[in-house]
Each structure stands twice: as structure tokens, then as C-alpha cells.
Protein backbone atom coordinates (compact mmCIF):
# COMPACT_ATOMS: atom_id res chain seq x y z
CA MET A 1 18.89 -68.16 4.24
CA ALA A 2 19.22 -64.62 2.91
CA THR A 3 20.23 -61.96 5.41
CA HIS A 4 18.85 -58.98 3.48
CA VAL A 5 16.50 -58.45 0.54
CA THR A 6 15.22 -55.44 -1.36
CA ALA A 7 12.01 -55.89 -3.38
CA PHE A 8 10.13 -53.42 -5.57
CA ALA A 9 6.55 -53.55 -6.84
CA PRO A 10 5.10 -50.96 -9.21
CA GLY A 11 1.80 -49.18 -9.03
CA ARG A 12 -0.43 -49.29 -12.05
CA VAL A 13 -2.52 -47.16 -14.35
CA ASN A 14 -5.66 -48.70 -15.78
CA LEU A 15 -6.03 -47.45 -19.32
CA ILE A 16 -9.62 -48.65 -19.62
CA GLY A 17 -12.00 -51.20 -18.06
CA GLU A 18 -12.79 -49.92 -14.56
CA HIS A 19 -14.72 -51.90 -11.90
CA THR A 20 -14.76 -54.93 -14.19
CA ASP A 21 -12.24 -57.13 -12.40
CA TYR A 22 -14.55 -58.26 -9.59
CA ASN A 23 -17.23 -58.89 -12.22
CA GLN A 24 -15.06 -61.35 -14.21
CA GLY A 25 -14.78 -58.81 -17.04
CA LEU A 26 -11.93 -57.30 -19.05
CA ALA A 27 -9.42 -54.54 -18.30
CA LEU A 28 -6.35 -52.98 -19.89
CA PRO A 29 -3.92 -51.77 -17.19
CA PHE A 30 -0.18 -51.22 -17.25
CA ALA A 31 2.46 -51.16 -14.53
CA VAL A 32 4.13 -47.78 -14.00
CA GLU A 33 7.68 -46.84 -13.12
CA VAL A 34 6.86 -45.66 -9.59
CA GLY A 35 5.99 -48.03 -6.78
CA VAL A 36 6.83 -49.34 -3.32
CA THR A 37 10.21 -50.60 -2.13
CA VAL A 38 10.57 -52.93 0.87
CA ARG A 39 14.00 -53.51 2.40
CA ALA A 40 14.00 -56.56 4.65
CA ARG A 41 16.78 -57.70 6.98
CA ALA A 42 16.82 -60.86 9.08
CA ARG A 43 16.98 -60.38 12.84
CA GLU A 44 16.90 -62.44 16.02
CA GLY A 45 13.68 -62.98 17.90
CA ARG A 46 10.05 -63.72 17.18
CA VAL A 47 8.71 -60.50 15.71
CA VAL A 48 8.71 -58.46 12.53
CA ARG A 49 9.46 -54.78 13.02
CA ALA A 50 8.33 -52.44 10.25
CA LEU A 51 9.13 -48.80 9.59
CA ALA A 52 6.99 -46.79 7.18
CA ALA A 53 9.75 -44.37 6.25
CA ASP A 54 7.51 -41.90 4.40
CA LEU A 55 5.25 -41.56 7.44
CA GLY A 56 7.89 -41.78 10.14
CA GLU A 57 5.84 -44.50 11.86
CA SER A 58 6.80 -47.97 13.06
CA ALA A 59 5.09 -51.07 14.41
CA THR A 60 5.89 -54.56 15.66
CA PHE A 61 4.09 -57.74 14.57
CA PRO A 62 4.16 -61.35 15.81
CA LEU A 63 5.28 -63.90 13.24
CA GLU A 64 1.70 -65.10 12.91
CA GLY A 65 0.55 -61.63 11.80
CA GLU A 66 -2.19 -59.65 13.50
CA ARG A 67 -5.10 -57.29 12.87
CA ALA A 68 -4.21 -53.62 12.63
CA GLU A 69 -5.28 -50.36 11.01
CA GLY A 70 -3.91 -48.22 8.19
CA TRP A 71 -0.60 -49.26 6.63
CA ARG A 72 -0.06 -51.70 9.49
CA ALA A 73 -2.98 -53.81 8.27
CA PHE A 74 -1.07 -54.56 5.05
CA VAL A 75 1.99 -55.74 6.95
CA GLY A 76 0.10 -57.85 9.48
CA GLY A 77 -2.11 -59.33 6.77
CA THR A 78 0.77 -60.16 4.42
CA ILE A 79 2.65 -61.96 7.21
CA ALA A 80 -0.46 -63.97 8.09
CA GLU A 81 -1.33 -64.89 4.50
CA LEU A 82 2.23 -65.96 3.70
CA ARG A 83 2.29 -68.18 6.79
CA ARG A 84 -1.10 -69.64 5.81
CA ALA A 85 0.40 -70.44 2.39
CA GLY A 86 3.28 -72.31 4.03
CA VAL A 87 5.96 -69.62 3.83
CA PRO A 88 7.90 -69.61 7.17
CA VAL A 89 8.18 -65.84 7.58
CA PRO A 90 11.26 -65.17 9.72
CA ALA A 91 11.88 -62.42 12.25
CA ALA A 92 12.81 -59.34 10.27
CA GLU A 93 13.36 -55.60 10.17
CA LEU A 94 11.40 -53.95 7.35
CA GLU A 95 11.78 -50.49 5.88
CA ILE A 96 8.96 -49.44 3.56
CA SER A 97 9.20 -46.49 1.20
CA GLY A 98 7.22 -45.49 -1.83
CA THR A 99 6.95 -43.15 -4.78
CA VAL A 100 3.28 -43.86 -5.55
CA PRO A 101 0.97 -41.14 -4.20
CA ARG A 102 -1.44 -42.67 -1.68
CA GLY A 103 -5.13 -42.29 -2.46
CA ALA A 104 -4.42 -41.29 -6.06
CA GLY A 105 -5.94 -44.30 -7.82
CA LEU A 106 -2.51 -45.60 -8.85
CA SER A 107 -2.70 -48.67 -6.61
CA SER A 108 -0.19 -47.90 -3.89
CA SER A 109 -1.92 -50.56 -1.76
CA ALA A 110 -1.34 -53.43 -4.20
CA ALA A 111 2.26 -52.31 -4.72
CA LEU A 112 2.75 -52.47 -0.95
CA GLU A 113 1.23 -55.95 -0.67
CA VAL A 114 3.28 -57.36 -3.54
CA ALA A 115 6.57 -55.81 -2.40
CA LEU A 116 6.03 -57.10 1.15
CA ALA A 117 5.23 -60.62 -0.08
CA LEU A 118 8.27 -60.77 -2.37
CA ALA A 119 10.67 -59.46 0.28
CA LEU A 120 9.46 -61.67 3.13
CA ALA A 121 9.27 -64.83 1.00
CA GLU A 122 12.77 -64.20 -0.37
CA LEU A 123 14.06 -63.72 3.17
CA ALA A 124 12.52 -67.10 4.03
CA ASP A 125 14.35 -68.76 1.09
CA GLN A 126 11.06 -69.35 -0.75
CA PRO A 127 11.48 -66.88 -3.64
CA LEU A 128 8.34 -65.77 -5.43
CA ALA A 129 9.76 -63.18 -7.83
CA ASP A 130 10.53 -65.48 -10.79
CA GLN A 131 7.51 -67.75 -10.65
CA PRO A 132 5.79 -69.08 -13.77
CA PRO A 133 2.57 -67.26 -14.77
CA GLY A 134 0.21 -69.63 -12.96
CA ASP A 135 2.05 -69.22 -9.68
CA ARG A 136 2.11 -65.45 -10.12
CA VAL A 137 -1.67 -65.54 -10.38
CA GLU A 138 -1.77 -67.39 -7.05
CA LEU A 139 0.50 -64.75 -5.53
CA ALA A 140 -1.91 -62.09 -6.82
CA ARG A 141 -4.74 -63.96 -5.08
CA LEU A 142 -2.76 -64.02 -1.84
CA CYS A 143 -2.13 -60.28 -2.00
CA SER A 144 -5.78 -59.66 -2.84
CA ARG A 145 -6.80 -61.59 0.29
CA VAL A 146 -4.68 -59.18 2.31
CA GLU A 147 -6.68 -56.28 0.94
CA ASN A 148 -10.05 -58.02 1.18
CA GLU A 149 -9.79 -59.77 4.53
CA TRP A 150 -7.24 -57.73 6.49
CA VAL A 151 -7.64 -54.20 5.16
CA GLY A 152 -11.36 -54.41 4.41
CA ALA A 153 -11.42 -53.23 0.79
CA ARG A 154 -13.25 -55.70 -1.47
CA THR A 155 -11.06 -55.09 -4.50
CA GLY A 156 -10.57 -57.53 -7.36
CA LEU A 157 -7.31 -58.81 -8.86
CA LEU A 158 -6.60 -56.02 -11.35
CA ASP A 159 -4.05 -54.11 -9.28
CA GLN A 160 -2.07 -57.13 -8.13
CA LEU A 161 -1.95 -58.76 -11.58
CA ALA A 162 -0.84 -55.50 -13.21
CA SER A 163 1.93 -55.09 -10.62
CA LEU A 164 3.14 -58.68 -11.00
CA PHE A 165 2.84 -59.06 -14.79
CA GLY A 166 3.91 -55.56 -15.85
CA ARG A 167 6.07 -55.30 -18.94
CA ARG A 168 7.94 -52.30 -20.32
CA ASP A 169 6.14 -50.54 -23.21
CA CYS A 170 3.11 -52.81 -22.88
CA ALA A 171 -0.38 -52.73 -21.46
CA LEU A 172 -1.97 -55.97 -20.26
CA ARG A 173 -5.30 -57.25 -21.53
CA ILE A 174 -6.60 -59.18 -18.55
CA ASP A 175 -9.58 -61.52 -18.77
CA PHE A 176 -10.77 -61.92 -15.19
CA ARG A 177 -12.85 -65.00 -15.97
CA SER A 178 -10.01 -67.07 -17.44
CA LEU A 179 -7.24 -65.00 -15.75
CA GLU A 180 -5.42 -64.86 -19.08
CA VAL A 181 -2.93 -61.96 -19.16
CA ARG A 182 -1.88 -60.86 -22.66
CA PRO A 183 0.66 -58.10 -23.32
CA VAL A 184 -0.51 -55.41 -25.76
CA PRO A 185 2.15 -53.04 -27.17
CA LEU A 186 1.54 -49.52 -25.89
CA VAL A 187 3.40 -47.39 -28.44
CA LEU A 188 2.08 -43.84 -28.19
CA ASP A 189 3.87 -42.26 -31.18
CA GLY A 190 4.43 -38.91 -29.51
CA HIS A 191 1.16 -38.93 -27.55
CA ARG A 192 1.35 -38.87 -23.77
CA LEU A 193 -0.69 -40.43 -21.00
CA VAL A 194 -0.80 -38.19 -17.93
CA THR A 195 -2.53 -38.28 -14.57
CA LEU A 196 -3.75 -35.14 -12.83
CA ASP A 197 -4.65 -35.03 -9.15
CA SER A 198 -8.21 -33.95 -8.41
CA GLY A 199 -7.08 -32.85 -4.96
CA GLU A 200 -9.59 -35.20 -3.37
CA ARG A 201 -8.21 -38.29 -1.65
CA HIS A 202 -10.04 -41.54 -2.06
CA ALA A 203 -9.91 -44.66 0.10
CA ASN A 204 -11.49 -47.92 -1.05
CA VAL A 205 -12.55 -48.91 2.46
CA SER A 206 -14.37 -45.68 3.35
CA SER A 207 -15.62 -44.71 -0.12
CA GLY A 208 -18.54 -46.22 -2.01
CA TYR A 209 -16.29 -48.88 -3.55
CA ASN A 210 -17.55 -51.73 -1.38
CA ARG A 211 -21.15 -50.58 -1.92
CA ARG A 212 -20.72 -50.76 -5.70
CA ARG A 213 -19.38 -54.28 -5.39
CA GLU A 214 -22.36 -55.28 -3.24
CA GLU A 215 -24.73 -53.84 -5.85
CA CYS A 216 -23.10 -55.97 -8.53
CA SER A 217 -23.50 -59.05 -6.33
CA ARG A 218 -27.19 -58.22 -5.82
CA ALA A 219 -27.65 -57.87 -9.58
CA CYS A 220 -26.11 -61.32 -10.10
CA ALA A 221 -28.44 -62.80 -7.49
CA VAL A 222 -31.53 -61.28 -9.10
CA LEU A 223 -30.47 -62.38 -12.59
CA GLY A 224 -29.38 -65.85 -11.48
CA VAL A 225 -25.87 -65.58 -12.95
CA ALA A 226 -22.50 -66.30 -11.37
CA SER A 227 -20.99 -63.00 -12.53
CA LEU A 228 -21.93 -60.01 -14.64
CA ARG A 229 -19.78 -61.46 -17.45
CA GLU A 230 -22.75 -63.74 -18.10
CA ALA A 231 -25.33 -60.93 -18.15
CA THR A 232 -26.72 -59.14 -21.22
CA LEU A 233 -28.08 -55.66 -21.86
CA GLU A 234 -31.55 -57.20 -22.19
CA MET A 235 -31.18 -58.66 -18.71
CA ALA A 236 -30.11 -55.27 -17.35
CA GLU A 237 -33.37 -53.74 -18.54
CA ARG A 238 -35.28 -56.00 -16.14
CA LEU A 239 -33.39 -54.79 -13.07
CA PRO A 240 -34.45 -52.01 -10.71
CA ALA A 241 -32.38 -48.86 -10.39
CA PRO A 242 -29.50 -48.50 -9.70
CA LEU A 243 -28.63 -52.15 -10.44
CA ASP A 244 -29.56 -51.75 -14.10
CA ARG A 245 -27.02 -48.93 -14.46
CA ARG A 246 -24.26 -50.91 -12.77
CA VAL A 247 -24.72 -53.84 -15.16
CA ARG A 248 -24.79 -51.60 -18.24
CA HIS A 249 -21.53 -50.00 -17.16
CA VAL A 250 -19.75 -53.35 -16.77
CA LEU A 251 -20.98 -54.74 -20.09
CA ASP A 252 -20.11 -51.58 -22.01
CA SER A 253 -16.70 -51.44 -20.33
CA ASN A 254 -15.83 -54.97 -21.48
CA ARG A 255 -16.63 -53.97 -25.06
CA ARG A 256 -14.52 -50.82 -24.79
CA VAL A 257 -11.47 -52.80 -23.64
CA ASP A 258 -11.30 -54.77 -26.86
CA GLU A 259 -12.05 -51.67 -28.91
CA ALA A 260 -9.12 -49.95 -27.16
CA VAL A 261 -6.84 -52.89 -28.01
CA ARG A 262 -7.82 -52.56 -31.67
CA ALA A 263 -7.28 -48.79 -31.57
CA LEU A 264 -3.77 -49.30 -30.19
CA GLU A 265 -2.99 -51.90 -32.84
CA ARG A 266 -4.04 -49.41 -35.55
CA GLY A 267 -2.40 -46.40 -33.90
CA ASP A 268 -5.83 -44.73 -33.88
CA PHE A 269 -5.39 -42.29 -31.01
CA PRO A 270 -8.48 -40.17 -31.71
CA ARG A 271 -10.55 -43.34 -31.30
CA LEU A 272 -8.69 -44.23 -28.12
CA GLY A 273 -9.51 -40.77 -26.79
CA GLU A 274 -13.19 -41.25 -27.62
CA LEU A 275 -13.17 -44.51 -25.67
CA LEU A 276 -11.66 -42.78 -22.64
CA ASP A 277 -14.40 -40.15 -22.80
CA GLN A 278 -17.07 -42.85 -23.09
CA SER A 279 -15.56 -44.64 -20.12
CA HIS A 280 -15.71 -41.48 -18.04
CA ALA A 281 -19.33 -40.81 -18.97
CA SER A 282 -20.22 -44.36 -17.95
CA LEU A 283 -18.35 -44.14 -14.65
CA ARG A 284 -20.02 -40.81 -13.94
CA ASP A 285 -23.57 -41.57 -15.04
CA LEU A 286 -23.99 -45.34 -14.72
CA TYR A 287 -21.54 -46.26 -11.96
CA GLU A 288 -21.78 -42.91 -10.19
CA ILE A 289 -18.26 -42.71 -8.80
CA SER A 290 -17.29 -39.21 -9.94
CA THR A 291 -17.26 -36.05 -7.82
CA PRO A 292 -17.30 -32.30 -8.58
CA ALA A 293 -13.53 -32.18 -8.02
CA VAL A 294 -13.00 -35.02 -10.49
CA GLU A 295 -15.26 -33.35 -13.07
CA ALA A 296 -13.30 -30.11 -12.76
CA THR A 297 -10.06 -32.05 -13.30
CA VAL A 298 -11.45 -33.76 -16.40
CA GLY A 299 -12.33 -30.30 -17.68
CA ARG A 300 -8.78 -29.05 -17.13
CA LEU A 301 -7.37 -31.91 -19.18
CA LYS A 302 -9.89 -31.41 -21.97
CA ASP A 303 -9.17 -27.68 -22.03
CA ALA A 304 -5.49 -28.56 -22.45
CA GLY A 305 -6.36 -30.51 -25.61
CA ALA A 306 -6.68 -34.04 -24.24
CA LEU A 307 -8.17 -36.44 -26.79
CA GLY A 308 -9.90 -38.17 -23.88
CA ALA A 309 -9.93 -38.10 -20.09
CA ARG A 310 -11.57 -40.17 -17.39
CA VAL A 311 -11.80 -40.76 -13.66
CA HIS A 312 -9.20 -43.32 -12.76
CA GLY A 313 -9.00 -46.10 -10.18
CA GLY A 314 -11.76 -46.76 -7.67
CA GLY A 315 -13.21 -43.27 -8.08
CA PHE A 316 -14.66 -40.90 -5.48
CA GLY A 317 -11.58 -38.71 -5.92
CA GLY A 318 -7.98 -39.50 -6.77
CA HIS A 319 -6.38 -38.85 -10.14
CA VAL A 320 -7.80 -38.38 -13.63
CA LEU A 321 -6.16 -40.02 -16.65
CA GLY A 322 -5.77 -38.07 -19.88
CA LEU A 323 -4.42 -38.76 -23.38
CA LEU A 324 -2.56 -35.73 -24.76
CA PRO A 325 -1.68 -35.39 -28.46
CA PRO A 326 1.83 -34.39 -29.59
CA GLY A 327 2.55 -30.76 -28.81
CA ALA A 328 -0.20 -30.33 -26.22
CA ARG A 329 0.88 -28.64 -23.01
CA ALA A 330 -0.13 -30.58 -19.93
CA PRO A 331 -1.90 -28.71 -17.12
CA GLU A 332 0.24 -27.72 -14.17
CA GLY A 333 0.69 -30.66 -11.83
CA ALA A 334 0.07 -33.36 -14.44
CA VAL A 335 2.46 -36.32 -14.33
CA GLU A 336 3.32 -38.39 -17.38
CA VAL A 337 2.96 -42.14 -16.85
CA ARG A 338 4.78 -44.78 -18.88
CA PRO A 339 4.47 -48.58 -18.83
CA GLY A 340 7.29 -50.20 -16.89
CA PRO A 341 8.36 -53.67 -15.77
CA GLY A 342 6.63 -55.69 -13.09
CA ALA A 343 7.49 -56.53 -9.49
CA ARG A 344 10.96 -57.86 -8.84
CA VAL A 345 13.70 -58.45 -6.29
CA LEU A 346 16.38 -55.77 -6.61
CA GLU A 347 18.94 -57.18 -4.19
CA ARG A 348 19.53 -60.34 -2.17
CA GLY A 349 22.43 -61.11 0.10
């Protein structure tokens, strides 16, 4: 059995296709170079002790996992879900640190779940880091259950799949009905993708995220379909407000994902910028997840010459994504984001 393990999982940026994952739609995310690192060391006893180094907080968990709040919910839930999946999580000391801003829409939560799962499974001599694609999908499901059932955010699989399947210099076209993940070269030819903080924190549990998901479920029930992937614009016209707007957003977003793939293949960055702008308008007007602070941040990026900019992540605050042409000067505080490799074990001994 390993005595110590260090695992890293990246956050992600979703280029386009927001709030489509839990509707069995399409999305085009990429893993980023920042993320969460978990250092795990075997210890004697019957508990897991965890230190959140960035917060200066610690907690102790039984080996069966337990309910908790905040960052502790991720640790307790990951222990429990690994045990449920047959991984004999051992007593351990964990140190958690991260470079992903929390509440920024860059998926710090999924990075935490994935890094915890990789480190604890490796410590138990049941490595998950080099699994074949099908098994990585199952690991994404496990991490998603942590967020859904232990943290209380009803997110889909986008964040976990992007973290696990990330590839340098590539975005990932994910079909959430078939769970096919296809790399798409993301060669920007001097253009830059940047994120800019709106200054407004978002949290999936306390924001309107869960309410939007419930509205999509209600629309499916009214239309008699299993998911909004099966709906049509004609069907949406029969729905009451705001369900009609939610369905239109999802259907239009799926179309924009494949248009964005084609734009990248052609190197057509003005078109890609247009698609980002269309995505923002849809998220603002049809999905209604923008805020005045987000709108002001979009304006700052557009004033700086961005070809397109949109609210990013779950919405209700967080960061805004912008596509800057060569030579454009990014607004103060903007951070360039580049596609990096996926989750991995950095050290085992």
C-alpha cells in the first residue's frame, strides 16, 4: 500500500454550451492549468484528518464519511462514495490546497472532488488516475454524486468530465446523451481567452442554479420527453413562461456548440466571438442567470476589444469569459486561460 500520494485535478473553462449538461445536450469545455492539489499520507487509526490549507481550517471524518457543510461536505462525501464503490479508504492525513478561485465559475468544486478521489483511491492501492475512458466516466459520475447528494448542488457532469479528460491545447466536445468526449484542437493563433472577475461570488447551492434545473425537469414533464435533448423549438412554443425560455436556451446552445467547433476548425475567430455574444444574450434573456455586476464586466471586456464575451459557469456572479484579438489589451484583473492536461497523480510513494 502507498504511504503517500499527491494528486492534482484542474478546474475548467466552458467555452460554450452552458446549462446543457443536465439536459443531455452538448458543451465545449477545456481543462485549465490551475486546480486543486491533495496530498494524502497514510496514518494509524480509523479516521481521515483533512486540512484546508488555504482556509487554515481542519476537520476529522470517520472512514465511512459523514454529512458536513462547506468544504468539509466534499471530503465527507468523497470518502462515503468511494467506500460505496468498493474502495477501502484507509485512515489518512490530507492537505488540500488550490489555485482555482472559489465561486468564480471555474469549477473549483469538481477539481476538489476529483483530486480527493484520485488521492484516496491511490492510497488504498486502487488507482483511478489511468483508467480507460469508460471507467473515467464512472469516476465522473461518482464525483458528481458527491456534489449532488452531499453538497446539495444539482450539477451535471460537465465539470468532472472536463477535469478528468482534459488535454493540452484542446477543448472537449462532450455529448451528454451518449457521454462521448471528443478532443477539438483549440489553436488560438494569437487570440487570447481571458476571464474577468465580476466581483460577485456565486454558489451553486444558494443561487438559482437548482431552480433552473427544476424548471427544466418541469418542462420535460409537461412535454412528455426524457430530456430537453428530445425537445424542439415548436414544442417550446407550447410551454408557459418561463419554461419556454429555458427550453429555447438549451436548444440554441446545442446548436452553437457545433457551430463553435466548425469556427475553430476554420480559424474563424470573429464567428467564434459572435457565438460567445449570442450565448451571453441567451443566458441573460432566456435563462436569466446574469446580474448587473456581470453585465458591467461583459461591458469592460467589450470595451477592451473582445470579439465576444459571456457570463461563465453557473451564473449569478463569478467570472466572465472573453475572446481578445491579437494586440488587444486586457482589462486590469483579467486572467488568461489556456487548455491544459487532465487530472493526474503527481507523486506516489
